[in-house]
PDB file of N, CA and C in Angstrom:
ATOM      1  N   MET A   1       1.767  13.857   6.748  1.00  0.00           N
ATOM      2  CA  MET A   1       2.106  14.832   6.677  1.00  0.00           C
ATOM      3  C   MET A   1       2.064  15.918   8.214  1.00  0.00           C
ATOM      4  N   ILE A   2       2.941  16.490   8.361  1.00  0.00           N
ATOM      5  CA  ILE A   2       2.997  17.121   9.648  1.00  0.00           C
ATOM      6  C   ILE A   2       2.243  18.837   9.166  1.00  0.00           C
ATOM      7  N   TYR A   3       1.327  19.106  10.042  1.00  0.00           N
ATOM      8  CA  TYR A   3       1.006  20.320  10.329  1.00  0.00           C
ATOM      9  C   TYR A   3       1.215  21.147  11.471  1.00  0.00           C
ATOM     10  N   VAL A   4       2.257  22.165  11.500  1.00  0.00           N
ATOM     11  CA  VAL A   4       2.229  22.524  12.694  1.00  0.00           C
ATOM     12  C   VAL A   4       1.772  23.947  12.717  1.00  0.00           C
ATOM     13  N   LYS A   5       1.327  24.258  14.133  1.00  0.00           N
ATOM     14  CA  LYS A   5      -0.003  25.020  14.332  1.00  0.00           C
ATOM     15  C   LYS A   5       0.549  25.569  16.322  1.00  0.00           C
ATOM     16  N   ASP A   6      -0.303  26.682  16.226  1.00  0.00           N
ATOM     17  CA  ASP A   6      -0.304  26.897  17.817  1.00  0.00           C
ATOM     18  C   ASP A   6      -1.524  26.273  18.296  1.00  0.00           C
ATOM     19  N   GLU A   7      -1.846  25.076  18.018  1.00  0.00           N
ATOM     20  CA  GLU A   7      -2.503  24.188  19.490  1.00  0.00           C
ATOM     21  C   GLU A   7      -2.262  23.636  19.695  1.00  0.00           C
ATOM     22  N   ASP A   8      -2.268  22.502  20.487  1.00  0.00           N
ATOM     23  CA  ASP A   8      -2.329  21.093  20.737  1.00  0.00           C
ATOM     24  C   ASP A   8      -2.828  19.961  19.922  1.00  0.00           C
ATOM     25  N   GLY A   9      -3.712  20.223  19.240  1.00  0.00           N
ATOM     26  CA  GLY A   9      -4.039  19.158  18.484  1.00  0.00           C
ATOM     27  C   GLY A   9      -5.828  19.183  18.309  1.00  0.00           C
ATOM     28  N   LEU A  10      -6.413  18.399  18.356  1.00  0.00           N
ATOM     29  CA  LEU A  10      -8.219  18.810  18.508  1.00  0.00           C
ATOM     30  C   LEU A  10      -8.294  18.065  19.432  1.00  0.00           C
ATOM     31  N   TYR A  11      -9.345  18.730  19.640  1.00  0.00           N
ATOM     32  CA  TYR A  11     -10.807  18.858  20.850  1.00  0.00           C
ATOM     33  C   TYR A  11     -11.617  18.523  20.311  1.00  0.00           C
ATOM     34  N   THR A  12     -12.724  17.991  21.344  1.00  0.00           N
ATOM     35  CA  THR A  12     -14.430  18.024  20.852  1.00  0.00           C
ATOM     36  C   THR A  12     -15.178  19.589  20.862  1.00  0.00           C
ATOM     37  N   ALA A  13     -14.016  20.437  21.516  1.00  0.00           N
ATOM     38  CA  ALA A  13     -14.937  21.763  21.658  1.00  0.00           C
ATOM     39  C   ALA A  13     -13.436  22.718  21.719  1.00  0.00           C
ATOM     40  N   ASP A  14     -13.520  24.015  21.453  1.00  0.00           N
ATOM     41  CA  ASP A  14     -12.748  24.762  21.875  1.00  0.00           C
ATOM     42  C   ASP A  14     -12.334  25.038  23.178  1.00  0.00           C
ATOM     43  N   PRO A  15     -11.318  24.412  23.558  1.00  0.00           N
ATOM     44  CA  PRO A  15     -10.428  23.719  25.079  1.00  0.00           C
ATOM     45  C   PRO A  15     -10.594  25.752  25.734  1.00  0.00           C
ATOM     46  N   LYS A  16     -10.672  26.582  24.648  1.00  0.00           N
ATOM     47  CA  LYS A  16     -10.275  27.745  25.221  1.00  0.00           C
ATOM     48  C   LYS A  16     -11.521  28.549  26.076  1.00  0.00           C
ATOM     49  N   LYS A  17     -12.741  28.088  25.877  1.00  0.00           N
ATOM     50  CA  LYS A  17     -13.814  28.265  25.545  1.00  0.00           C
ATOM     51  C   LYS A  17     -14.522  27.488  26.700  1.00  0.00           C
ATOM     52  N   HIS A  18     -14.260  25.655  26.189  1.00  0.00           N
ATOM     53  CA  HIS A  18     -15.163  24.768  26.947  1.00  0.00           C
ATOM     54  C   HIS A  18     -13.704  24.233  27.395  1.00  0.00           C
ATOM     55  N   PRO A  19     -13.517  24.531  28.813  1.00  0.00           N
ATOM     56  CA  PRO A  19     -12.181  24.204  29.749  1.00  0.00           C
ATOM     57  C   PRO A  19     -12.456  22.353  29.984  1.00  0.00           C
ATOM     58  N   SER A  20     -13.372  21.699  29.500  1.00  0.00           N
ATOM     59  CA  SER A  20     -14.590  20.689  30.036  1.00  0.00           C
ATOM     60  C   SER A  20     -13.982  19.724  28.647  1.00  0.00           C
ATOM     61  N   ALA A  21     -13.563  20.279  27.419  1.00  0.00           N
ATOM     62  CA  ALA A  21     -13.414  19.646  26.121  1.00  0.00           C
ATOM     63  C   ALA A  21     -12.486  18.442  25.922  1.00  0.00           C
ATOM     64  N   GLU A  22     -12.635  17.271  25.676  1.00  0.00           N
ATOM     65  CA  GLU A  22     -11.839  15.728  25.734  1.00  0.00           C
ATOM     66  C   GLU A  22     -10.868  16.359  24.390  1.00  0.00           C
ATOM     67  N   PHE A  23      -9.559  15.983  24.417  1.00  0.00           N
ATOM     68  CA  PHE A  23      -8.334  16.036  23.382  1.00  0.00           C
ATOM     69  C   PHE A  23      -8.796  14.527  22.810  1.00  0.00           C
ATOM     70  N   ILE A  24      -8.435  14.922  21.712  1.00  0.00           N
ATOM     71  CA  ILE A  24      -9.049  13.815  20.545  1.00  0.00           C
ATOM     72  C   ILE A  24      -7.224  13.655  19.772  1.00  0.00           C
ATOM     73  N   PRO A  25      -6.563  11.782  20.535  1.00  0.00           N
ATOM     74  CA  PRO A  25      -5.321  12.093  19.929  1.00  0.00           C
ATOM     75  C   PRO A  25      -5.084  11.371  18.454  1.00  0.00           C
ATOM     76  N   ARG A  26      -6.223  10.329  18.223  1.00  0.00           N
ATOM     77  CA  ARG A  26      -6.438   9.945  16.900  1.00  0.00           C
ATOM     78  C   ARG A  26      -7.688   9.777  15.967  1.00  0.00           C
ATOM     79  N   ILE A  27      -7.759  10.308  15.040  1.00  0.00           N
ATOM     80  CA  ILE A  27      -9.275   9.654  14.514  1.00  0.00           C
ATOM     81  C   ILE A  27      -9.102   9.578  12.931  1.00  0.00           C
ATOM     82  N   SER A  28      -9.948   8.890  12.326  1.00  0.00           N
ATOM     83  CA  SER A  28     -10.105   8.755  11.428  1.00  0.00           C
ATOM     84  C   SER A  28     -10.892  10.025  10.943  1.00  0.00           C
ATOM     85  N   VAL A  29     -10.909  10.362   9.508  1.00  0.00           N
ATOM     86  CA  VAL A  29     -11.108  11.892   9.318  1.00  0.00           C
ATOM     87  C   VAL A  29     -13.181  11.358   8.565  1.00  0.00           C
ATOM     88  N   HIS A  30     -13.162   9.865   8.611  1.00  0.00           N
ATOM     89  CA  HIS A  30     -14.560   9.322   8.344  1.00  0.00           C
ATOM     90  C   HIS A  30     -15.263   9.505   9.625  1.00  0.00           C
ATOM     91  N   ASP A  31     -15.403   9.358  10.818  1.00  0.00           N
ATOM     92  CA  ASP A  31     -15.068   9.399  11.916  1.00  0.00           C
ATOM     93  C   ASP A  31     -15.392  11.115  12.074  1.00  0.00           C
ATOM     94  N   LEU A  32     -14.432  11.644  12.355  1.00  0.00           N
ATOM     95  CA  LEU A  32     -14.134  13.376  12.077  1.00  0.00           C
ATOM     96  C   LEU A  32     -15.485  13.892  11.789  1.00  0.00           C
ATOM     97  N   LEU A  33     -15.140  13.539  10.527  1.00  0.00           N
ATOM     98  CA  LEU A  33     -17.059  14.407   9.692  1.00  0.00           C
ATOM     99  C   LEU A  33     -18.581  13.841  10.049  1.00  0.00           C
ATOM    100  N   ALA A  34     -18.037  12.750  10.657  1.00  0.00           N
ATOM    101  CA  ALA A  34     -19.445  12.649  11.331  1.00  0.00           C
ATOM    102  C   ALA A  34     -20.041  12.846  11.885  1.00  0.00           C
ATOM    103  N   ARG A  35     -18.719  13.153  13.257  1.00  0.00           N
ATOM    104  CA  ARG A  35     -19.173  13.827  14.596  1.00  0.00           C
ATOM    105  C   ARG A  35     -19.517  15.455  13.964  1.00  0.00           C
ATOM    106  N   ASP A  36     -19.493  16.220  13.066  1.00  0.00           N
ATOM    107  CA  ASP A  36     -19.814  17.264  12.242  1.00  0.00           C
ATOM    108  C   ASP A  36     -19.394  18.272  13.582  1.00  0.00           C
ATOM    109  N   LEU A  37     -18.125  18.525  14.345  1.00  0.00           N
ATOM    110  CA  LEU A  37     -17.920  18.952  15.323  1.00  0.00           C
ATOM    111  C   LEU A  37     -17.725  20.581  14.803  1.00  0.00           C
ATOM    112  N   GLU A  38     -18.039  21.558  16.184  1.00  0.00           N
ATOM    113  CA  GLU A  38     -18.503  23.225  15.906  1.00  0.00           C
ATOM    114  C   GLU A  38     -17.040  23.089  15.165  1.00  0.00           C
ATOM    115  N   ASP A  39     -16.212  23.435  16.084  1.00  0.00           N
ATOM    116  CA  ASP A  39     -14.637  23.955  16.104  1.00  0.00           C
ATOM    117  C   ASP A  39     -13.673  22.686  15.791  1.00  0.00           C
ATOM    118  N   LEU A  40     -13.425  22.756  14.324  1.00  0.00           N
ATOM    119  CA  LEU A  40     -12.026  21.961  13.900  1.00  0.00           C
ATOM    120  C   LEU A  40     -10.077  23.238  13.666  1.00  0.00           C
ATOM    121  N   ILE A  41      -9.621  21.706  14.037  1.00  0.00           N
ATOM    122  CA  ILE A  41      -7.749  22.308  13.801  1.00  0.00           C
ATOM    123  C   ILE A  41      -7.971  22.664  12.388  1.00  0.00           C
ATOM    124  N   VAL A  42      -8.531  22.653  11.745  1.00  0.00           N
ATOM    125  CA  VAL A  42      -8.488  22.410  10.114  1.00  0.00           C
ATOM    126  C   VAL A  42      -9.868  22.533   9.674  1.00  0.00           C
ATOM    127  N   GLU A  43      -9.683  23.299   7.963  1.00  0.00           N
ATOM    128  CA  GLU A  43     -10.527  23.917   7.606  1.00  0.00           C
ATOM    129  C   GLU A  43     -11.362  22.515   7.132  1.00  0.00           C
ATOM    130  N   ARG A  44     -12.567  22.264   6.978  1.00  0.00           N
ATOM    131  CA  ARG A  44     -13.434  20.913   6.778  1.00  0.00           C
ATOM    132  C   ARG A  44     -12.951  20.697   5.563  1.00  0.00           C
ATOM    133  N   ALA A  45     -12.791  21.236   4.341  1.00  0.00           N
ATOM    134  CA  ALA A  45     -12.945  20.745   3.165  1.00  0.00           C
ATOM    135  C   ALA A  45     -11.705  20.123   3.244  1.00  0.00           C
ATOM    136  N   VAL A  46     -10.284  20.571   3.370  1.00  0.00           N
ATOM    137  CA  VAL A  46      -9.345  19.663   3.952  1.00  0.00           C
ATOM    138  C   VAL A  46      -9.285  18.473   4.444  1.00  0.00           C
ATOM    139  N   LEU A  47      -9.656  18.218   4.844  1.00  0.00           N
ATOM    140  CA  LEU A  47     -11.190  16.723   5.556  1.00  0.00           C
ATOM    141  C   LEU A  47     -11.785  16.143   4.652  1.00  0.00           C
ATOM    142  N   GLU A  48     -12.151  16.748   3.846  1.00  0.00           N
ATOM    143  CA  GLU A  48     -12.820  16.302   2.504  1.00  0.00           C
ATOM    144  C   GLU A  48     -12.022  15.805   1.775  1.00  0.00           C
ATOM    145  N   PHE A  49     -10.933  16.753   1.086  1.00  0.00           N
ATOM    146  CA  PHE A  49      -9.966  16.368   0.134  1.00  0.00           C
ATOM    147  C   PHE A  49      -9.265  15.425   0.496  1.00  0.00           C
ATOM    148  N   MET A  50      -8.788  15.062   1.990  1.00  0.00           N
ATOM    149  CA  MET A  50      -8.362  14.156   2.610  1.00  0.00           C
ATOM    150  C   MET A  50      -8.706  12.656   2.102  1.00  0.00           C
ATOM    151  N   ALA A  51     -10.239  12.478   2.176  1.00  0.00           N
ATOM    152  CA  ALA A  51     -10.133  11.455   2.148  1.00  0.00           C
ATOM    153  C   ALA A  51     -10.756  10.861   0.700  1.00  0.00           C
ATOM    154  N   ARG A  52     -11.056  11.572  -0.105  1.00  0.00           N
ATOM    155  CA  ARG A  52     -10.472  11.227  -1.399  1.00  0.00           C
ATOM    156  C   ARG A  52      -8.872  11.090  -1.894  1.00  0.00           C
ATOM    157  N   ALA A  53      -7.711  11.700  -1.296  1.00  0.00           N
ATOM    158  CA  ALA A  53      -6.542  11.406  -1.295  1.00  0.00           C
ATOM    159  C   ALA A  53      -6.003  10.430  -1.458  1.00  0.00           C
ATOM    160  N   ARG A  54      -5.204  10.160  -2.812  1.00  0.00           N
ATOM    161  CA  ARG A  54      -4.120   8.958  -3.274  1.00  0.00           C
ATOM    162  C   ARG A  54      -2.758   8.877  -2.098  1.00  0.00           C
ATOM    163  N   HIS A  55      -2.273  10.095  -1.807  1.00  0.00           N
ATOM    164  CA  HIS A  55      -1.070   9.991  -1.187  1.00  0.00           C
ATOM    165  C   HIS A  55      -0.968  10.413   0.087  1.00  0.00           C
ATOM    166  N   VAL A  56      -2.110  11.158   0.056  1.00  0.00           N
ATOM    167  CA  VAL A  56      -1.982  11.702   1.695  1.00  0.00           C
ATOM    168  C   VAL A  56      -2.518  10.667   2.759  1.00  0.00           C
ATOM    169  N   ARG A  57      -2.062   9.821   3.409  1.00  0.00           N
ATOM    170  CA  ARG A  57      -2.481   9.666   4.210  1.00  0.00           C
ATOM    171  C   ARG A  57      -3.314   9.488   5.905  1.00  0.00           C
ATOM    172  N   GLU A  58      -2.269  10.279   6.148  1.00  0.00           N
ATOM    173  CA  GLU A  58      -2.492  11.512   7.261  1.00  0.00           C
ATOM    174  C   GLU A  58      -1.848  12.579   7.649  1.00  0.00           C
ATOM    175  N   ILE A  59      -2.186  12.900   8.779  1.00  0.00           N
ATOM    176  CA  ILE A  59      -2.213  14.819   9.366  1.00  0.00           C
ATOM    177  C   ILE A  59      -1.407  14.383  10.746  1.00  0.00           C
ATOM    178  N   GLN A  60      -0.862  14.648  10.925  1.00  0.00           N
ATOM    179  CA  GLN A  60      -0.294  14.910  12.396  1.00  0.00           C
ATOM    180  C   GLN A  60      -0.099  15.964  12.865  1.00  0.00           C
ATOM    181  N   PHE A  61      -1.410  16.919  13.417  1.00  0.00           N
ATOM    182  CA  PHE A  61      -1.231  18.613  14.241  1.00  0.00           C
ATOM    183  C   PHE A  61      -0.310  18.187  15.033  1.00  0.00           C
ATOM    184  N   ILE A  62       0.746  19.433  15.572  1.00  0.00           N
ATOM    185  CA  ILE A  62       1.454  19.533  16.212  1.00  0.00           C
ATOM    186  C   ILE A  62       1.391  20.987  16.910  1.00  0.00           C
ATOM    187  N   ASN A  63       1.951  21.034  17.836  1.00  0.00           N
ATOM    188  CA  ASN A  63       1.789  22.634  18.798  1.00  0.00           C
ATOM    189  C   ASN A  63       3.514  22.948  17.997  1.00  0.00           C
ATOM    190  N   GLY A  64       3.440  24.129  17.270  1.00  0.00           N
ATOM    191  CA  GLY A  64       4.966  24.640  17.278  1.00  0.00           C
ATOM    192  C   GLY A  64       5.479  25.008  18.190  1.00  0.00           C
ATOM    193  N   LEU A  65       4.534  25.673  18.999  1.00  0.00           N
ATOM    194  CA  LEU A  65       5.016  26.843  20.167  1.00  0.00           C
ATOM    195  C   LEU A  65       6.336  25.738  20.693  1.00  0.00           C
ATOM    196  N   LYS A  66       5.374  24.735  20.930  1.00  0.00           N
ATOM    197  CA  LYS A  66       5.808  23.634  22.600  1.00  0.00           C
ATOM    198  C   LYS A  66       7.532  22.906  21.938  1.00  0.00           C
ATOM    199  N   PRO A  67       8.512  23.918  22.417  1.00  0.00           N
ATOM    200  CA  PRO A  67      10.020  22.939  22.174  1.00  0.00           C
ATOM    201  C   PRO A  67       9.952  21.608  22.166  1.00  0.00           C
ATOM    202  N   GLY A  68      10.553  20.817  21.102  1.00  0.00           N
ATOM    203  CA  GLY A  68      10.075  19.778  21.151  1.00  0.00           C
ATOM    204  C   GLY A  68       9.430  18.475  20.199  1.00  0.00           C
ATOM    205  N   GLN A  69       8.399  19.230  19.700  1.00  0.00           N
ATOM    206  CA  GLN A  69       6.964  18.109  19.490  1.00  0.00           C
ATOM    207  C   GLN A  69       7.323  18.154  18.200  1.00  0.00           C
ATOM    208  N   LEU A  70       8.216  19.269  17.564  1.00  0.00           N
ATOM    209  CA  LEU A  70       8.561  18.540  16.125  1.00  0.00           C
ATOM    210  C   LEU A  70       9.404  17.381  15.811  1.00  0.00           C
ATOM    211  N   THR A  71      10.506  17.622  16.478  1.00  0.00           N
ATOM    212  CA  THR A  71      11.204  16.763  16.543  1.00  0.00           C
ATOM    213  C   THR A  71      10.718  15.045  17.521  1.00  0.00           C
ATOM    214  N   ALA A  72       9.814  14.884  18.367  1.00  0.00           N
ATOM    215  CA  ALA A  72       9.338  14.267  18.176  1.00  0.00           C
ATOM    216  C   ALA A  72       8.121  13.452  17.483  1.00  0.00           C
ATOM    217  N   ALA A  73       7.394  14.318  16.737  1.00  0.00           N
ATOM    218  CA  ALA A  73       6.330  13.691  15.721  1.00  0.00           C
ATOM    219  C   ALA A  73       7.869  13.249  14.529  1.00  0.00           C
ATOM    220  N   LEU A  74       8.439  14.270  14.013  1.00  0.00           N
ATOM    221  CA  LEU A  74       9.492  13.188  12.881  1.00  0.00           C
ATOM    222  C   LEU A  74      10.196  11.574  13.598  1.00  0.00           C
ATOM    223  N   ASN A  75      10.265  11.991  14.635  1.00  0.00           N
ATOM    224  CA  ASN A  75      10.423  10.885  15.298  1.00  0.00           C
ATOM    225  C   ASN A  75       9.873   9.624  15.240  1.00  0.00           C
ATOM    226  N   GLY A  76       8.462   9.966  14.858  1.00  0.00           N
ATOM    227  CA  GLY A  76       7.365   8.808  14.750  1.00  0.00           C
ATOM    228  C   GLY A  76       6.526   8.523  16.042  1.00  0.00           C
ATOM    229  N   GLU A  77       6.489   9.778  17.175  1.00  0.00           N
ATOM    230  CA  GLU A  77       6.399   9.875  18.660  1.00  0.00           C
ATOM    231  C   GLU A  77       5.114  10.041  18.080  1.00  0.00           C
ATOM    232  N   PRO A  78       3.907   9.667  19.325  1.00  0.00           N
ATOM    233  CA  PRO A  78       2.722  10.457  18.822  1.00  0.00           C
ATOM    234  C   PRO A  78       2.252  11.587  20.079  1.00  0.00           C
ATOM    235  N   VAL A  79       2.857  12.188  19.350  1.00  0.00           N
ATOM    236  CA  VAL A  79       2.367  13.713  20.145  1.00  0.00           C
ATOM    237  C   VAL A  79       1.413  14.611  19.015  1.00  0.00           C
ATOM    238  N   GLY A  80       0.488  15.555  19.839  1.00  0.00           N
ATOM    239  CA  GLY A  80      -0.680  16.171  18.813  1.00  0.00           C
ATOM    240  C   GLY A  80      -1.809  15.412  18.902  1.00  0.00           C
ATOM    241  N   THR A  81      -2.577  15.483  17.460  1.00  0.00           N
ATOM    242  CA  THR A  81      -3.622  15.069  17.248  1.00  0.00           C
ATOM    243  C   THR A  81      -3.732  14.122  15.712  1.00  0.00           C
ATOM    244  N   ILE A  82      -3.567  13.237  15.081  1.00  0.00           N
ATOM    245  CA  ILE A  82      -3.171  12.112  14.124  1.00  0.00           C
ATOM    246  C   ILE A  82      -4.927  11.750  13.603  1.00  0.00           C
ATOM    247  N   ILE A  83      -5.182  12.820  12.220  1.00  0.00           N
ATOM    248  CA  ILE A  83      -6.026  12.203  11.427  1.00  0.00           C
ATOM    249  C   ILE A  83      -5.496  11.309  10.665  1.00  0.00           C
ATOM    250  N   TYR A  84      -6.319  10.458  10.202  1.00  0.00           N
ATOM    251  CA  TYR A  84      -5.752   9.519   9.157  1.00  0.00           C
ATOM    252  C   TYR A  84      -6.954   9.344   8.489  1.00  0.00           C
ATOM    253  N   ARG A  85      -6.654   8.201   7.072  1.00  0.00           N
ATOM    254  CA  ARG A  85      -7.250   8.124   6.055  1.00  0.00           C
ATOM    255  C   ARG A  85      -8.355   6.781   6.079  1.00  0.00           C
ATOM    256  N   ASN A  86      -9.362   6.632   5.826  1.00  0.00           N
ATOM    257  CA  ASN A  86      -9.799   5.104   6.477  1.00  0.00           C
ATOM    258  C   ASN A  86      -9.096   4.591   5.465  1.00  0.00           C
ATOM    259  N   GLY A  87      -9.091   3.148   6.699  1.00  0.00           N
ATOM    260  CA  GLY A  87      -8.076   1.954   6.007  1.00  0.00           C
ATOM    261  C   GLY A  87      -6.998   1.703   5.903  1.00  0.00           C
ATOM    262  N   ASP A  88      -6.217   2.965   6.269  1.00  0.00           N
ATOM    263  CA  ASP A  88      -5.165   3.112   6.854  1.00  0.00           C
ATOM    264  C   ASP A  88      -4.725   3.353   8.477  1.00  0.00           C
ATOM    265  N   ALA A  89      -5.410   2.735   9.083  1.00  0.00           N
ATOM    266  CA  ALA A  89      -5.353   2.850  10.529  1.00  0.00           C
ATOM    267  C   ALA A  89      -4.008   2.048  10.874  1.00  0.00           C
ATOM    268  N   LYS A  90      -3.159   2.373  11.792  1.00  0.00           N
ATOM    269  CA  LYS A  90      -1.924   1.596  12.529  1.00  0.00           C
ATOM    270  C   LYS A  90      -2.699   0.408  13.680  1.00  0.00           C
TER     271      LYS A  90
END
């Protein structure tokens, strides 16, 4: 699943408030929930549902305001952040 937002992806904190926040390009749902980050790119409930989902294996978050990001994601390129279900790592 590709989730188009106006954000570049997931960070360790809000990069607008904390310029030193680190970008997280790929992380499992389990590890992300365990980090208990204050600021997430998606509602926590979505992550909890994803952990138990049967058919959704990963969500890729891309910035829809940046030209070419959606095309790159559709081509399988690593843009934005990918949150994957445990056991589905590539």
